[in-house]
Amino acid sequence: MNPETPIATRLVDVAILDDDPDFRTYLEDTLKDEGQYSVRTFAHPDDLFNGIEQRRPDIVLLDMKMGEYRGEKVLEQLFSTQPGLCVIIVTGYPSLEDMRATFQMKVFDYMPKPFSLAQLRQVLQNAVEKFGFGRSDQDRLRERLGHKVKMLRTEREWPLKDLAAATRLSVSQISSIERGANLPSIESLLAICRAFDKRPSELLSSIGF
């Protein structure tokens, strides 16, 4: 195994909303067989919203064509109550106009039916890698904080030694933090924040913590 490959610490929680019972069963069985996902299926938007209130999923697979229920309205409500939720659109009646409209609503991806198992796997894996699903909060914090520190340093055009001097940390300490290999101590985090004229809460909220 590549030592840099993230190791999943929990199953990725996937919620599926689709009015076709056969398709729901197919997706549920297929994803459970993958061994990486826990799956909840819903036939009605109200059931999905109730389920999400009990436990927010990592990913929602949303059918856009459900008879009397408009996927666009469901999508609007999802994003209004669950900001930043990863939603993947699934539809059997795709159109360029629909795709443009849904992407403007910040969906993660769009899959027209029928799609292959390989396509489903790839789209879900892209979401897992993008959002860090299945990894511990500590892993995600370490990765995102390191990336943020590197971006802030780059914006100031500082080499590692300049940030090290400003924080009184060693170059190797800064490097390990930026690579996501280690989390800074509280004292080191405060020093980094002072160097960039930011409050710790500001820095952490900017990376979703």
N, C-alpha and C. Protein backbone atom coordinates (compact mmCIF):
# COMPACT_ATOMS: atom_id res chain seq x y z
N MET A 1 0.84 -1.20 0.00
CA MET A 1 0.00 0.00 0.00
C MET A 1 0.87 1.24 0.00
N ASN A 2 0.51 2.20 -0.79
CA ASN A 2 1.21 3.48 -0.81
C ASN A 2 1.06 4.14 0.55
N PRO A 3 2.17 4.52 1.24
CA PRO A 3 2.06 5.11 2.57
C PRO A 3 1.33 6.43 2.57
N GLU A 4 1.19 7.07 1.41
CA GLU A 4 0.52 8.36 1.35
C GLU A 4 -0.97 8.21 1.07
N THR A 5 -1.44 6.97 0.84
CA THR A 5 -2.86 6.75 0.56
C THR A 5 -3.67 6.89 1.83
N PRO A 6 -4.73 7.76 1.82
CA PRO A 6 -5.55 7.91 3.01
C PRO A 6 -6.24 6.59 3.35
N ILE A 7 -6.32 6.27 4.64
CA ILE A 7 -6.96 5.05 5.08
C ILE A 7 -8.32 5.41 5.67
N ALA A 8 -9.38 4.81 5.13
CA ALA A 8 -10.72 5.10 5.61
C ALA A 8 -10.88 4.59 7.03
N THR A 9 -11.48 5.40 7.90
CA THR A 9 -11.69 5.02 9.28
C THR A 9 -13.15 4.73 9.55
N ARG A 10 -14.03 5.00 8.62
CA ARG A 10 -15.44 4.69 8.77
C ARG A 10 -16.07 4.57 7.39
N LEU A 11 -17.26 3.98 7.35
CA LEU A 11 -17.96 3.87 6.08
C LEU A 11 -18.49 5.23 5.65
N VAL A 12 -18.51 5.46 4.35
CA VAL A 12 -19.05 6.69 3.79
C VAL A 12 -20.57 6.56 3.75
N ASP A 13 -21.26 7.53 4.36
CA ASP A 13 -22.72 7.48 4.49
C ASP A 13 -23.37 8.06 3.24
N VAL A 14 -24.09 7.20 2.49
CA VAL A 14 -24.75 7.62 1.25
C VAL A 14 -26.26 7.53 1.42
N ALA A 15 -26.97 8.62 1.10
CA ALA A 15 -28.43 8.63 1.10
C ALA A 15 -28.91 8.70 -0.35
N ILE A 16 -29.89 7.88 -0.68
CA ILE A 16 -30.39 7.80 -2.06
C ILE A 16 -31.88 8.16 -2.07
N LEU A 17 -32.25 9.13 -2.90
CA LEU A 17 -33.65 9.47 -3.11
C LEU A 17 -34.02 9.16 -4.54
N ASP A 18 -34.91 8.18 -4.72
CA ASP A 18 -35.34 7.77 -6.05
C ASP A 18 -36.69 7.10 -5.92
N ASP A 19 -37.61 7.39 -6.84
CA ASP A 19 -38.95 6.82 -6.74
C ASP A 19 -39.08 5.44 -7.40
N ASP A 20 -37.99 4.95 -7.97
CA ASP A 20 -38.00 3.64 -8.61
C ASP A 20 -37.47 2.60 -7.61
N PRO A 21 -38.32 1.72 -7.08
CA PRO A 21 -37.87 0.76 -6.05
C PRO A 21 -36.80 -0.20 -6.56
N ASP A 22 -36.89 -0.62 -7.80
CA ASP A 22 -35.88 -1.53 -8.35
C ASP A 22 -34.52 -0.85 -8.43
N PHE A 23 -34.52 0.42 -8.83
CA PHE A 23 -33.26 1.15 -8.94
C PHE A 23 -32.67 1.40 -7.56
N ARG A 24 -33.52 1.73 -6.59
CA ARG A 24 -33.04 1.93 -5.22
C ARG A 24 -32.37 0.66 -4.70
N THR A 25 -33.03 -0.47 -4.93
CA THR A 25 -32.48 -1.74 -4.46
C THR A 25 -31.16 -2.06 -5.14
N TYR A 26 -31.10 -1.80 -6.45
CA TYR A 26 -29.86 -2.04 -7.19
C TYR A 26 -28.72 -1.21 -6.63
N LEU A 27 -28.97 0.10 -6.41
CA LEU A 27 -27.92 0.96 -5.88
C LEU A 27 -27.51 0.54 -4.47
N GLU A 28 -28.50 0.23 -3.64
CA GLU A 28 -28.19 -0.16 -2.26
C GLU A 28 -27.34 -1.43 -2.23
N ASP A 29 -27.74 -2.44 -2.97
CA ASP A 29 -26.99 -3.70 -2.99
C ASP A 29 -25.59 -3.50 -3.57
N THR A 30 -25.52 -2.72 -4.65
CA THR A 30 -24.24 -2.50 -5.31
C THR A 30 -23.26 -1.78 -4.40
N LEU A 31 -23.72 -0.71 -3.74
CA LEU A 31 -22.82 0.06 -2.89
C LEU A 31 -22.42 -0.69 -1.63
N LYS A 32 -23.34 -1.44 -1.07
CA LYS A 32 -23.00 -2.23 0.12
C LYS A 32 -21.96 -3.29 -0.21
N ASP A 33 -22.06 -3.85 -1.43
CA ASP A 33 -21.08 -4.85 -1.85
C ASP A 33 -19.68 -4.26 -1.99
N GLU A 34 -19.61 -2.95 -2.20
CA GLU A 34 -18.30 -2.31 -2.34
C GLU A 34 -17.53 -2.32 -1.02
N GLY A 35 -18.27 -2.41 0.10
CA GLY A 35 -17.62 -2.48 1.40
C GLY A 35 -17.13 -1.16 1.95
N GLN A 36 -17.39 -0.06 1.23
CA GLN A 36 -16.90 1.25 1.65
C GLN A 36 -18.05 2.16 2.09
N TYR A 37 -19.28 1.75 1.79
CA TYR A 37 -20.40 2.65 1.99
C TYR A 37 -21.48 2.05 2.89
N SER A 38 -22.07 2.92 3.72
CA SER A 38 -23.34 2.58 4.37
C SER A 38 -24.42 3.30 3.57
N VAL A 39 -25.56 2.67 3.39
CA VAL A 39 -26.56 3.19 2.45
C VAL A 39 -27.93 3.28 3.11
N ARG A 40 -28.58 4.41 2.89
CA ARG A 40 -29.98 4.59 3.27
C ARG A 40 -30.74 5.01 2.01
N THR A 41 -31.89 4.38 1.77
CA THR A 41 -32.67 4.72 0.58
C THR A 41 -34.01 5.33 0.98
N PHE A 42 -34.49 6.24 0.15
CA PHE A 42 -35.75 6.94 0.41
C PHE A 42 -36.53 7.07 -0.89
N ALA A 43 -37.85 6.87 -0.78
CA ALA A 43 -38.71 6.98 -1.95
C ALA A 43 -39.41 8.33 -2.03
N HIS A 44 -39.45 9.05 -0.92
CA HIS A 44 -40.19 10.31 -0.85
C HIS A 44 -39.29 11.40 -0.27
N PRO A 45 -39.34 12.61 -0.81
CA PRO A 45 -38.48 13.69 -0.29
C PRO A 45 -38.63 13.93 1.20
N ASP A 46 -39.87 13.84 1.73
CA ASP A 46 -40.06 14.07 3.16
C ASP A 46 -39.31 13.04 4.00
N ASP A 47 -39.26 11.80 3.51
CA ASP A 47 -38.52 10.76 4.23
C ASP A 47 -37.02 11.07 4.22
N LEU A 48 -36.55 11.58 3.08
CA LEU A 48 -35.13 11.96 3.00
C LEU A 48 -34.82 13.06 4.00
N PHE A 49 -35.66 14.10 4.05
CA PHE A 49 -35.39 15.21 4.96
C PHE A 49 -35.44 14.76 6.42
N ASN A 50 -36.37 13.87 6.74
CA ASN A 50 -36.42 13.34 8.11
C ASN A 50 -35.18 12.53 8.43
N GLY A 51 -34.72 11.74 7.46
CA GLY A 51 -33.52 10.95 7.67
C GLY A 51 -32.29 11.81 7.86
N ILE A 52 -32.21 12.89 7.10
CA ILE A 52 -31.06 13.78 7.20
C ILE A 52 -31.05 14.52 8.53
N GLU A 53 -32.23 14.85 9.05
CA GLU A 53 -32.30 15.50 10.36
C GLU A 53 -31.74 14.59 11.44
N GLN A 54 -31.97 13.30 11.31
CA GLN A 54 -31.47 12.35 12.30
C GLN A 54 -29.96 12.15 12.15
N ARG A 55 -29.48 12.09 10.91
CA ARG A 55 -28.05 11.92 10.67
C ARG A 55 -27.71 12.47 9.30
N ARG A 56 -26.84 13.47 9.25
CA ARG A 56 -26.45 14.06 7.97
C ARG A 56 -25.59 13.07 7.19
N PRO A 57 -25.95 12.77 5.94
CA PRO A 57 -25.12 11.86 5.14
C PRO A 57 -23.90 12.58 4.58
N ASP A 58 -22.95 11.80 4.12
CA ASP A 58 -21.81 12.39 3.42
C ASP A 58 -22.22 12.77 2.00
N ILE A 59 -22.94 11.88 1.34
CA ILE A 59 -23.30 12.05 -0.07
C ILE A 59 -24.78 11.76 -0.26
N VAL A 60 -25.44 12.58 -1.08
CA VAL A 60 -26.82 12.31 -1.47
C VAL A 60 -26.86 12.05 -2.97
N LEU A 61 -27.42 10.90 -3.36
CA LEU A 61 -27.70 10.61 -4.76
C LEU A 61 -29.16 10.99 -5.00
N LEU A 62 -29.39 12.00 -5.81
CA LEU A 62 -30.73 12.60 -5.94
C LEU A 62 -31.28 12.42 -7.35
N ASP A 63 -32.42 11.73 -7.43
CA ASP A 63 -33.13 11.60 -8.70
C ASP A 63 -33.87 12.91 -8.97
N MET A 64 -33.71 13.46 -10.17
CA MET A 64 -34.32 14.75 -10.50
C MET A 64 -35.71 14.60 -11.10
N LYS A 65 -36.09 13.41 -11.50
CA LYS A 65 -37.40 13.19 -12.13
C LYS A 65 -38.18 12.18 -11.29
N MET A 66 -39.08 12.71 -10.44
CA MET A 66 -39.82 11.84 -9.53
C MET A 66 -41.31 12.14 -9.58
N GLY A 67 -41.86 12.08 -10.77
CA GLY A 67 -43.29 12.30 -10.90
C GLY A 67 -43.68 13.71 -10.49
N GLU A 68 -44.53 13.81 -9.46
CA GLU A 68 -45.02 15.12 -9.02
C GLU A 68 -43.98 15.91 -8.25
N TYR A 69 -42.92 15.26 -7.81
CA TYR A 69 -41.91 15.95 -7.01
C TYR A 69 -40.78 16.44 -7.90
N ARG A 70 -40.55 17.73 -7.87
CA ARG A 70 -39.50 18.31 -8.70
C ARG A 70 -38.16 18.27 -7.99
N GLY A 71 -37.18 17.68 -8.67
CA GLY A 71 -35.85 17.57 -8.07
C GLY A 71 -35.25 18.92 -7.74
N GLU A 72 -35.56 19.93 -8.55
CA GLU A 72 -35.00 21.26 -8.30
C GLU A 72 -35.44 21.80 -6.95
N LYS A 73 -36.70 21.57 -6.59
CA LYS A 73 -37.20 22.04 -5.31
C LYS A 73 -36.57 21.28 -4.15
N VAL A 74 -36.40 19.97 -4.35
CA VAL A 74 -35.75 19.15 -3.32
C VAL A 74 -34.31 19.64 -3.13
N LEU A 75 -33.66 19.92 -4.23
CA LEU A 75 -32.27 20.39 -4.18
C LEU A 75 -32.17 21.72 -3.44
N GLU A 76 -33.07 22.63 -3.73
CA GLU A 76 -33.07 23.92 -3.05
C GLU A 76 -33.23 23.75 -1.54
N GLN A 77 -34.15 22.88 -1.15
CA GLN A 77 -34.37 22.67 0.27
C GLN A 77 -33.18 21.99 0.93
N LEU A 78 -32.56 21.05 0.22
CA LEU A 78 -31.37 20.39 0.76
C LEU A 78 -30.27 21.40 1.07
N PHE A 79 -30.01 22.27 0.12
CA PHE A 79 -28.91 23.22 0.30
C PHE A 79 -29.26 24.32 1.30
N SER A 80 -30.55 24.62 1.45
CA SER A 80 -30.94 25.65 2.42
C SER A 80 -30.82 25.12 3.86
N THR A 81 -31.07 23.82 4.04
CA THR A 81 -31.00 23.25 5.38
C THR A 81 -29.67 22.56 5.67
N GLN A 82 -28.95 22.17 4.62
CA GLN A 82 -27.68 21.45 4.78
C GLN A 82 -26.61 22.08 3.89
N PRO A 83 -26.14 23.27 4.22
CA PRO A 83 -25.14 23.94 3.38
C PRO A 83 -23.89 23.07 3.20
N GLY A 84 -23.37 23.08 1.98
CA GLY A 84 -22.15 22.34 1.72
C GLY A 84 -22.32 20.85 1.52
N LEU A 85 -23.57 20.39 1.51
CA LEU A 85 -23.82 18.95 1.33
C LEU A 85 -23.37 18.51 -0.06
N CYS A 86 -22.75 17.33 -0.13
CA CYS A 86 -22.31 16.78 -1.41
C CYS A 86 -23.49 16.06 -2.07
N VAL A 87 -23.99 16.64 -3.16
CA VAL A 87 -25.14 16.08 -3.87
C VAL A 87 -24.71 15.67 -5.29
N ILE A 88 -25.05 14.46 -5.66
CA ILE A 88 -24.81 13.96 -7.01
C ILE A 88 -26.16 13.70 -7.66
N ILE A 89 -26.38 14.37 -8.78
CA ILE A 89 -27.65 14.26 -9.48
C ILE A 89 -27.67 12.99 -10.33
N VAL A 90 -28.80 12.27 -10.27
CA VAL A 90 -29.02 11.09 -11.10
C VAL A 90 -30.34 11.29 -11.83
N THR A 91 -30.35 11.17 -13.15
CA THR A 91 -31.60 11.37 -13.88
C THR A 91 -31.63 10.56 -15.16
N GLY A 92 -32.82 10.11 -15.53
CA GLY A 92 -32.98 9.37 -16.77
C GLY A 92 -33.36 10.24 -17.94
N TYR A 93 -33.54 11.53 -17.68
CA TYR A 93 -33.95 12.44 -18.74
C TYR A 93 -33.06 13.67 -18.76
N PRO A 94 -31.77 13.47 -19.01
CA PRO A 94 -30.85 14.60 -18.94
C PRO A 94 -31.01 15.54 -20.13
N SER A 95 -30.74 16.79 -19.87
CA SER A 95 -30.67 17.78 -20.94
C SER A 95 -29.58 18.77 -20.58
N LEU A 96 -29.04 19.43 -21.59
CA LEU A 96 -27.99 20.39 -21.35
C LEU A 96 -28.48 21.51 -20.43
N GLU A 97 -29.72 21.91 -20.63
CA GLU A 97 -30.29 22.98 -19.80
C GLU A 97 -30.39 22.54 -18.34
N ASP A 98 -30.84 21.29 -18.13
CA ASP A 98 -30.93 20.77 -16.76
C ASP A 98 -29.55 20.72 -16.11
N MET A 99 -28.56 20.25 -16.87
CA MET A 99 -27.22 20.15 -16.32
C MET A 99 -26.67 21.51 -15.92
N ARG A 100 -26.87 22.50 -16.76
CA ARG A 100 -26.40 23.84 -16.44
C ARG A 100 -27.08 24.37 -15.19
N ALA A 101 -28.39 24.16 -15.10
CA ALA A 101 -29.15 24.68 -13.96
C ALA A 101 -28.70 24.03 -12.65
N THR A 102 -28.51 22.70 -12.69
CA THR A 102 -28.13 22.03 -11.45
C THR A 102 -26.70 22.34 -11.04
N PHE A 103 -25.80 22.47 -12.00
CA PHE A 103 -24.43 22.82 -11.64
C PHE A 103 -24.35 24.23 -11.07
N GLN A 104 -25.23 25.12 -11.51
CA GLN A 104 -25.26 26.45 -10.95
C GLN A 104 -25.70 26.42 -9.49
N MET A 105 -26.38 25.35 -9.11
CA MET A 105 -26.81 25.19 -7.72
C MET A 105 -25.75 24.47 -6.89
N LYS A 106 -24.57 24.31 -7.47
CA LYS A 106 -23.41 23.78 -6.76
C LYS A 106 -23.53 22.30 -6.39
N VAL A 107 -24.12 21.50 -7.31
CA VAL A 107 -24.07 20.06 -7.11
C VAL A 107 -22.66 19.58 -7.42
N PHE A 108 -22.30 18.42 -6.85
CA PHE A 108 -20.94 17.94 -7.06
C PHE A 108 -20.76 17.33 -8.44
N ASP A 109 -21.75 16.53 -8.89
CA ASP A 109 -21.64 15.90 -10.20
C ASP A 109 -23.03 15.53 -10.69
N TYR A 110 -23.08 15.04 -11.94
CA TYR A 110 -24.34 14.79 -12.63
C TYR A 110 -24.18 13.50 -13.42
N MET A 111 -25.03 12.49 -13.11
CA MET A 111 -24.92 11.21 -13.81
C MET A 111 -26.23 10.89 -14.53
N PRO A 112 -26.21 10.84 -15.86
CA PRO A 112 -27.41 10.44 -16.60
C PRO A 112 -27.57 8.93 -16.59
N LYS A 113 -28.82 8.47 -16.41
CA LYS A 113 -29.11 7.04 -16.53
C LYS A 113 -29.22 6.67 -18.00
N PRO A 114 -28.82 5.46 -18.40
CA PRO A 114 -28.16 4.46 -17.54
C PRO A 114 -26.66 4.75 -17.42
N PHE A 115 -26.09 4.41 -16.30
CA PHE A 115 -24.65 4.56 -16.13
C PHE A 115 -24.07 3.22 -15.70
N SER A 116 -22.80 3.05 -15.96
CA SER A 116 -22.14 1.79 -15.63
C SER A 116 -21.69 1.80 -14.17
N LEU A 117 -21.41 0.60 -13.66
CA LEU A 117 -20.89 0.49 -12.31
C LEU A 117 -19.55 1.22 -12.19
N ALA A 118 -18.75 1.14 -13.24
CA ALA A 118 -17.46 1.83 -13.23
C ALA A 118 -17.64 3.35 -13.11
N GLN A 119 -18.65 3.89 -13.83
CA GLN A 119 -18.92 5.33 -13.74
C GLN A 119 -19.38 5.71 -12.35
N LEU A 120 -20.24 4.91 -11.76
CA LEU A 120 -20.72 5.18 -10.40
C LEU A 120 -19.57 5.16 -9.41
N ARG A 121 -18.73 4.14 -9.52
CA ARG A 121 -17.57 4.04 -8.63
C ARG A 121 -16.68 5.27 -8.73
N GLN A 122 -16.44 5.71 -9.97
CA GLN A 122 -15.52 6.83 -10.19
C GLN A 122 -16.08 8.12 -9.61
N VAL A 123 -17.36 8.38 -9.86
CA VAL A 123 -17.97 9.62 -9.34
C VAL A 123 -17.96 9.63 -7.82
N LEU A 124 -18.31 8.51 -7.21
CA LEU A 124 -18.31 8.44 -5.75
C LEU A 124 -16.90 8.58 -5.19
N GLN A 125 -15.93 7.95 -5.85
CA GLN A 125 -14.55 8.05 -5.38
C GLN A 125 -14.04 9.48 -5.50
N ASN A 126 -14.45 10.16 -6.58
CA ASN A 126 -14.07 11.57 -6.72
C ASN A 126 -14.60 12.39 -5.54
N ALA A 127 -15.83 12.11 -5.14
CA ALA A 127 -16.42 12.84 -4.01
C ALA A 127 -15.70 12.50 -2.71
N VAL A 128 -15.38 11.22 -2.52
CA VAL A 128 -14.66 10.80 -1.32
C VAL A 128 -13.33 11.52 -1.21
N GLU A 129 -12.60 11.59 -2.32
CA GLU A 129 -11.29 12.23 -2.31
C GLU A 129 -11.40 13.74 -2.14
N LYS A 130 -12.40 14.34 -2.78
CA LYS A 130 -12.58 15.79 -2.72
C LYS A 130 -12.92 16.24 -1.31
N PHE A 131 -13.84 15.53 -0.65
CA PHE A 131 -14.34 15.95 0.65
C PHE A 131 -13.66 15.24 1.82
N GLY A 132 -12.85 14.24 1.53
CA GLY A 132 -12.19 13.51 2.62
C GLY A 132 -13.13 12.62 3.40
N PHE A 133 -14.20 12.13 2.76
CA PHE A 133 -15.15 11.27 3.46
C PHE A 133 -14.48 9.97 3.88
N GLY A 134 -14.98 9.41 4.98
CA GLY A 134 -14.46 8.14 5.46
C GLY A 134 -13.18 8.28 6.26
N ARG A 135 -12.71 9.51 6.42
CA ARG A 135 -11.49 9.75 7.18
C ARG A 135 -11.86 10.44 8.49
N SER A 136 -11.01 10.31 9.48
CA SER A 136 -11.29 10.91 10.78
C SER A 136 -11.19 12.43 10.68
N ASP A 137 -11.85 13.10 11.63
CA ASP A 137 -11.77 14.57 11.67
C ASP A 137 -10.33 15.03 11.81
N GLN A 138 -9.54 14.27 12.57
CA GLN A 138 -8.14 14.65 12.76
C GLN A 138 -7.37 14.57 11.46
N ASP A 139 -7.63 13.54 10.67
CA ASP A 139 -6.95 13.41 9.38
C ASP A 139 -7.30 14.58 8.46
N ARG A 140 -8.61 14.91 8.41
CA ARG A 140 -9.05 15.99 7.53
C ARG A 140 -8.52 17.34 8.01
N LEU A 141 -8.50 17.54 9.32
CA LEU A 141 -7.97 18.79 9.87
C LEU A 141 -6.49 18.93 9.54
N ARG A 142 -5.74 17.86 9.70
CA ARG A 142 -4.30 17.91 9.42
C ARG A 142 -4.05 18.26 7.96
N GLU A 143 -4.80 17.63 7.06
CA GLU A 143 -4.61 17.87 5.63
C GLU A 143 -5.02 19.29 5.23
N ARG A 144 -6.21 19.71 5.68
CA ARG A 144 -6.72 21.03 5.28
C ARG A 144 -5.91 22.16 5.89
N LEU A 145 -5.52 22.00 7.15
CA LEU A 145 -4.74 23.05 7.81
C LEU A 145 -3.38 23.19 7.15
N GLY A 146 -2.75 22.06 6.83
CA GLY A 146 -1.45 22.12 6.16
C GLY A 146 -1.54 22.83 4.83
N HIS A 147 -2.58 22.51 4.07
CA HIS A 147 -2.77 23.16 2.76
C HIS A 147 -3.01 24.65 2.92
N LYS A 148 -3.80 25.03 3.93
CA LYS A 148 -4.11 26.44 4.15
C LYS A 148 -2.85 27.22 4.54
N VAL A 149 -2.05 26.66 5.41
CA VAL A 149 -0.82 27.33 5.82
C VAL A 149 0.10 27.52 4.62
N LYS A 150 0.20 26.51 3.79
CA LYS A 150 1.05 26.62 2.59
C LYS A 150 0.52 27.70 1.65
N MET A 151 -0.79 27.78 1.47
CA MET A 151 -1.37 28.80 0.60
C MET A 151 -1.13 30.20 1.14
N LEU A 152 -1.28 30.38 2.44
CA LEU A 152 -1.04 31.69 3.05
C LEU A 152 0.42 32.10 2.90
N ARG A 153 1.30 31.13 3.09
CA ARG A 153 2.74 31.42 2.93
C ARG A 153 3.06 31.79 1.49
N THR A 154 2.46 31.05 0.55
CA THR A 154 2.70 31.31 -0.88
C THR A 154 2.19 32.68 -1.28
N GLU A 155 1.02 33.07 -0.74
CA GLU A 155 0.46 34.38 -1.06
C GLU A 155 1.41 35.51 -0.65
N ARG A 156 2.14 35.30 0.42
CA ARG A 156 3.09 36.31 0.89
C ARG A 156 4.47 36.16 0.25
N GLU A 157 4.58 35.13 -0.58
CA GLU A 157 5.84 34.86 -1.26
C GLU A 157 6.97 34.62 -0.27
N TRP A 158 6.64 33.94 0.81
CA TRP A 158 7.63 33.59 1.82
C TRP A 158 8.19 32.20 1.54
N PRO A 159 9.48 32.03 1.57
CA PRO A 159 10.04 30.67 1.61
C PRO A 159 9.80 30.09 3.00
N LEU A 160 10.02 28.83 3.14
CA LEU A 160 9.80 28.18 4.44
C LEU A 160 10.59 28.87 5.56
N LYS A 161 11.80 29.30 5.26
CA LYS A 161 12.63 29.88 6.31
C LYS A 161 12.05 31.19 6.84
N ASP A 162 11.32 31.93 6.00
CA ASP A 162 10.72 33.19 6.46
C ASP A 162 9.58 32.92 7.43
N LEU A 163 8.76 31.92 7.12
CA LEU A 163 7.68 31.58 8.04
C LEU A 163 8.25 30.99 9.33
N ALA A 164 9.29 30.22 9.20
CA ALA A 164 9.95 29.66 10.38
C ALA A 164 10.46 30.77 11.28
N ALA A 165 11.05 31.81 10.67
CA ALA A 165 11.57 32.93 11.44
C ALA A 165 10.44 33.70 12.11
N ALA A 166 9.33 33.87 11.40
CA ALA A 166 8.20 34.64 11.94
C ALA A 166 7.51 33.91 13.08
N THR A 167 7.56 32.59 13.06
CA THR A 167 6.86 31.80 14.08
C THR A 167 7.80 31.24 15.14
N ARG A 168 9.11 31.31 14.88
CA ARG A 168 10.12 30.71 15.75
C ARG A 168 9.97 29.20 15.82
N LEU A 169 9.46 28.64 14.72
CA LEU A 169 9.43 27.19 14.57
C LEU A 169 10.54 26.80 13.60
N SER A 170 10.90 25.53 13.60
CA SER A 170 11.94 25.10 12.68
C SER A 170 11.35 24.90 11.28
N VAL A 171 12.23 24.94 10.29
CA VAL A 171 11.79 24.70 8.92
C VAL A 171 11.17 23.32 8.79
N SER A 172 11.74 22.33 9.47
CA SER A 172 11.20 20.97 9.39
C SER A 172 9.82 20.89 10.03
N GLN A 173 9.57 21.65 11.10
CA GLN A 173 8.25 21.68 11.71
C GLN A 173 7.21 22.26 10.75
N ILE A 174 7.57 23.40 10.14
CA ILE A 174 6.66 24.03 9.19
C ILE A 174 6.38 23.10 8.01
N SER A 175 7.42 22.46 7.52
CA SER A 175 7.29 21.57 6.38
C SER A 175 6.35 20.40 6.70
N SER A 176 6.49 19.81 7.88
CA SER A 176 5.65 18.67 8.25
C SER A 176 4.19 19.08 8.42
N ILE A 177 3.98 20.31 8.91
CA ILE A 177 2.61 20.83 9.05
C ILE A 177 1.99 21.04 7.68
N GLU A 178 2.74 21.65 6.77
CA GLU A 178 2.21 21.92 5.43
C GLU A 178 1.94 20.64 4.65
N ARG A 179 2.71 19.61 4.86
CA ARG A 179 2.49 18.34 4.18
C ARG A 179 1.31 17.57 4.76
N GLY A 180 0.82 18.03 5.91
CA GLY A 180 -0.27 17.32 6.57
C GLY A 180 0.22 16.12 7.35
N ALA A 181 1.52 16.06 7.60
CA ALA A 181 2.07 14.93 8.34
C ALA A 181 1.81 15.06 9.83
N ASN A 182 1.78 16.31 10.32
CA ASN A 182 1.58 16.55 11.75
C ASN A 182 0.67 17.75 11.97
N LEU A 183 -0.08 17.68 13.06
CA LEU A 183 -0.85 18.84 13.49
C LEU A 183 0.03 19.71 14.39
N PRO A 184 -0.09 21.04 14.27
CA PRO A 184 0.69 21.89 15.16
C PRO A 184 0.14 21.83 16.58
N SER A 185 1.00 22.06 17.55
CA SER A 185 0.54 22.21 18.92
C SER A 185 -0.24 23.52 19.03
N ILE A 186 -0.90 23.71 20.16
CA ILE A 186 -1.64 24.96 20.36
C ILE A 186 -0.69 26.16 20.26
N GLU A 187 0.48 26.03 20.88
CA GLU A 187 1.45 27.14 20.83
C GLU A 187 1.90 27.40 19.40
N SER A 188 2.15 26.35 18.64
CA SER A 188 2.60 26.52 17.26
C SER A 188 1.48 27.11 16.39
N LEU A 189 0.25 26.67 16.63
CA LEU A 189 -0.89 27.21 15.87
C LEU A 189 -1.04 28.70 16.15
N LEU A 190 -0.92 29.10 17.40
CA LEU A 190 -1.02 30.52 17.74
C LEU A 190 0.09 31.32 17.06
N ALA A 191 1.29 30.75 17.02
CA ALA A 191 2.41 31.44 16.37
C ALA A 191 2.16 31.61 14.87
N ILE A 192 1.61 30.57 14.24
CA ILE A 192 1.30 30.64 12.81
C ILE A 192 0.22 31.69 12.55
N CYS A 193 -0.79 31.70 13.39
CA CYS A 193 -1.87 32.69 13.23
C CYS A 193 -1.35 34.11 13.38
N ARG A 194 -0.48 34.32 14.35
CA ARG A 194 0.10 35.67 14.53
C ARG A 194 0.90 36.07 13.31
N ALA A 195 1.62 35.13 12.73
CA ALA A 195 2.44 35.44 11.57
C ALA A 195 1.60 35.90 10.38
N PHE A 196 0.38 35.38 10.29
CA PHE A 196 -0.50 35.75 9.18
C PHE A 196 -1.58 36.75 9.59
N ASP A 197 -1.47 37.29 10.80
CA ASP A 197 -2.44 38.27 11.31
C ASP A 197 -3.86 37.72 11.28
N LYS A 198 -4.02 36.48 11.73
CA LYS A 198 -5.33 35.85 11.76
C LYS A 198 -5.61 35.27 13.14
N ARG A 199 -6.88 35.23 13.51
CA ARG A 199 -7.29 34.57 14.74
C ARG A 199 -7.38 33.07 14.48
N PRO A 200 -7.11 32.25 15.49
CA PRO A 200 -7.24 30.80 15.29
C PRO A 200 -8.62 30.40 14.79
N SER A 201 -9.68 31.02 15.35
CA SER A 201 -11.03 30.67 14.91
C SER A 201 -11.25 31.02 13.45
N GLU A 202 -10.65 32.11 13.01
CA GLU A 202 -10.77 32.53 11.61
C GLU A 202 -10.09 31.52 10.69
N LEU A 203 -8.91 31.10 11.09
CA LEU A 203 -8.16 30.15 10.27
C LEU A 203 -8.88 28.79 10.19
N LEU A 204 -9.39 28.33 11.33
CA LEU A 204 -10.06 27.04 11.35
C LEU A 204 -11.39 27.07 10.61
N SER A 205 -12.15 28.17 10.75
CA SER A 205 -13.42 28.24 10.05
C SER A 205 -13.23 28.30 8.54
N SER A 206 -12.11 28.86 8.10
CA SER A 206 -11.84 28.95 6.66
C SER A 206 -11.59 27.59 6.03
N ILE A 207 -11.31 26.57 6.84
CA ILE A 207 -11.08 25.22 6.32
C ILE A 207 -12.20 24.27 6.74
N GLY A 208 -13.31 24.84 7.24
CA GLY A 208 -14.47 24.03 7.55
C GLY A 208 -14.46 23.40 8.92
N PHE A 209 -13.73 23.98 9.88
CA PHE A 209 -13.69 23.45 11.25
C PHE A 209 -14.06 24.54 12.25
